[in-house]
C-alpha atoms as a PDB file:
ATOM      1  CA  MET A   1      -0.051   0.046  -0.091  1.00  0.00           C
ATOM      2  CA  THR A   2       1.369   3.651  -0.840  1.00  0.00           C
ATOM      3  CA  ASP A   3       1.560   6.217   1.695  1.00  0.00           C
ATOM      4  CA  ALA A   4      -0.657   9.478   1.001  1.00  0.00           C
ATOM      5  CA  LYS A   5       2.698  11.340   1.393  1.00  0.00           C
ATOM      6  CA  GLU A   6       4.217   9.398  -1.257  1.00  0.00           C
ATOM      7  CA  ASP A   7       1.600  10.502  -4.007  1.00  0.00           C
ATOM      8  CA  SER A   8       2.073  13.859  -3.141  1.00  0.00           C
ATOM      9  CA  GLY A   9       2.516  16.480  -6.191  1.00  0.00           C
ATOM     10  CA  GLY A  10       5.854  17.542  -4.472  1.00  0.00           C
ATOM     11  CA  VAL A  11       7.272  13.626  -4.870  1.00  0.00           C
ATOM     12  CA  GLN A  12       6.007  12.919  -8.425  1.00  0.00           C
ATOM     13  CA  ALA A  13       7.491  16.477  -9.618  1.00  0.00           C
ATOM     14  CA  ALA A  14      10.871  15.451  -7.768  1.00  0.00           C
ATOM     15  CA  ALA A  15      10.666  12.226  -9.405  1.00  0.00           C
ATOM     16  CA  HIS A  16      10.206  13.227 -12.956  1.00  0.00           C
ATOM     17  CA  TRP A  17      12.911  15.905 -12.394  1.00  0.00           C
ATOM     18  CA  LEU A  18      15.182  13.321 -11.440  1.00  0.00           C
ATOM     19  CA  ALA A  19      14.581  11.108 -14.207  1.00  0.00           C
ATOM     20  CA  ALA A  20      14.887  13.904 -16.672  1.00  0.00           C
ATOM     21  CA  GLY A  21      18.472  14.238 -15.335  1.00  0.00           C
ATOM     22  CA  GLY A  22      18.036  17.737 -13.366  1.00  0.00           C
ATOM     23  CA  ALA A  23      20.177  16.290 -10.613  1.00  0.00           C
ATOM     24  CA  ASP A  24      23.764  16.806 -10.105  1.00  0.00           C
ATOM     25  CA  ARG A  25      25.186  13.392 -10.353  1.00  0.00           C
ATOM     26  CA  SER A  26      28.287  14.394  -8.507  1.00  0.00           C
ATOM     27  CA  LYS A  27      26.376  14.856  -5.650  1.00  0.00           C
ATOM     28  CA  ALA A  28      24.013  12.785  -3.334  1.00  0.00           C
ATOM     29  CA  ALA A  29      20.251  12.839  -4.516  1.00  0.00           C
ATOM     30  CA  VAL A  30      18.292  12.968  -1.437  1.00  0.00           C
ATOM     31  CA  PRO A  31      19.902  16.564   0.121  1.00  0.00           C
ATOM     32  CA  GLN A  32      19.375  17.668  -3.606  1.00  0.00           C
ATOM     33  CA  LEU A  33      15.790  16.562  -3.455  1.00  0.00           C
ATOM     34  CA  ARG A  34      14.982  17.923  -0.015  1.00  0.00           C
ATOM     35  CA  GLN A  35      16.420  21.508  -0.639  1.00  0.00           C
ATOM     36  CA  ARG A  36      14.918  21.878  -4.348  1.00  0.00           C
ATOM     37  CA  PHE A  37      11.556  20.632  -3.421  1.00  0.00           C
ATOM     38  CA  GLY A  38      11.332  20.794   0.309  1.00  0.00           C
ATOM     39  CA  LEU A  39      10.731  16.920   0.600  1.00  0.00           C
ATOM     40  CA  THR A  40      11.583  14.817   3.813  1.00  0.00           C
ATOM     41  CA  ALA A  41      14.010  12.177   3.695  1.00  0.00           C
ATOM     42  CA  ALA A  42      11.423   9.602   3.290  1.00  0.00           C
ATOM     43  CA  GLU A  43       9.603  11.513   0.557  1.00  0.00           C
ATOM     44  CA  ALA A  44      12.872  12.206  -1.183  1.00  0.00           C
ATOM     45  CA  VAL A  45      13.821   8.244  -1.148  1.00  0.00           C
ATOM     46  CA  ALA A  46       9.781   7.820  -2.615  1.00  0.00           C
ATOM     47  CA  ALA A  47      10.670  10.193  -5.477  1.00  0.00           C
ATOM     48  CA  ILE A  48      13.938   8.307  -6.095  1.00  0.00           C
ATOM     49  CA  ARG A  49      12.171   5.099  -6.317  1.00  0.00           C
ATOM     50  CA  GLU A  50       9.500   6.453  -8.487  1.00  0.00           C
ATOM     51  CA  SER A  51      12.194   8.265 -10.618  1.00  0.00           C
ATOM     52  CA  ASN A  52      13.792   4.619 -11.247  1.00  0.00           C
ATOM     53  CA  LEU A  53      10.444   3.452 -12.220  1.00  0.00           C
ATOM     54  CA  ILE A  54      10.028   5.892 -14.833  1.00  0.00           C
ATOM     55  CA  GLN A  55      13.302   5.376 -16.271  1.00  0.00           C
ATOM     56  CA  ALA A  56      12.661   1.625 -16.462  1.00  0.00           C
ATOM     57  CA  ARG A  57       9.290   2.453 -18.160  1.00  0.00           C
ATOM     58  CA  ALA A  58      11.080   4.854 -20.941  1.00  0.00           C
ATOM     59  CA  HIS A  59      13.301   1.688 -21.782  1.00  0.00           C
END
């Protein structure tokens, strides 16, 4: 079951930004997502998971 916070628009926006290559790959993703989108650590991890799914579906 998916947590309601993981379905938030911020998590989805972060996931799409990350999947599109917006992150600086020389730095950790979680702090970048937390700073840019105001996510909690758990939400940032959810965004990374969603980003991985987005990338997998694209191939």
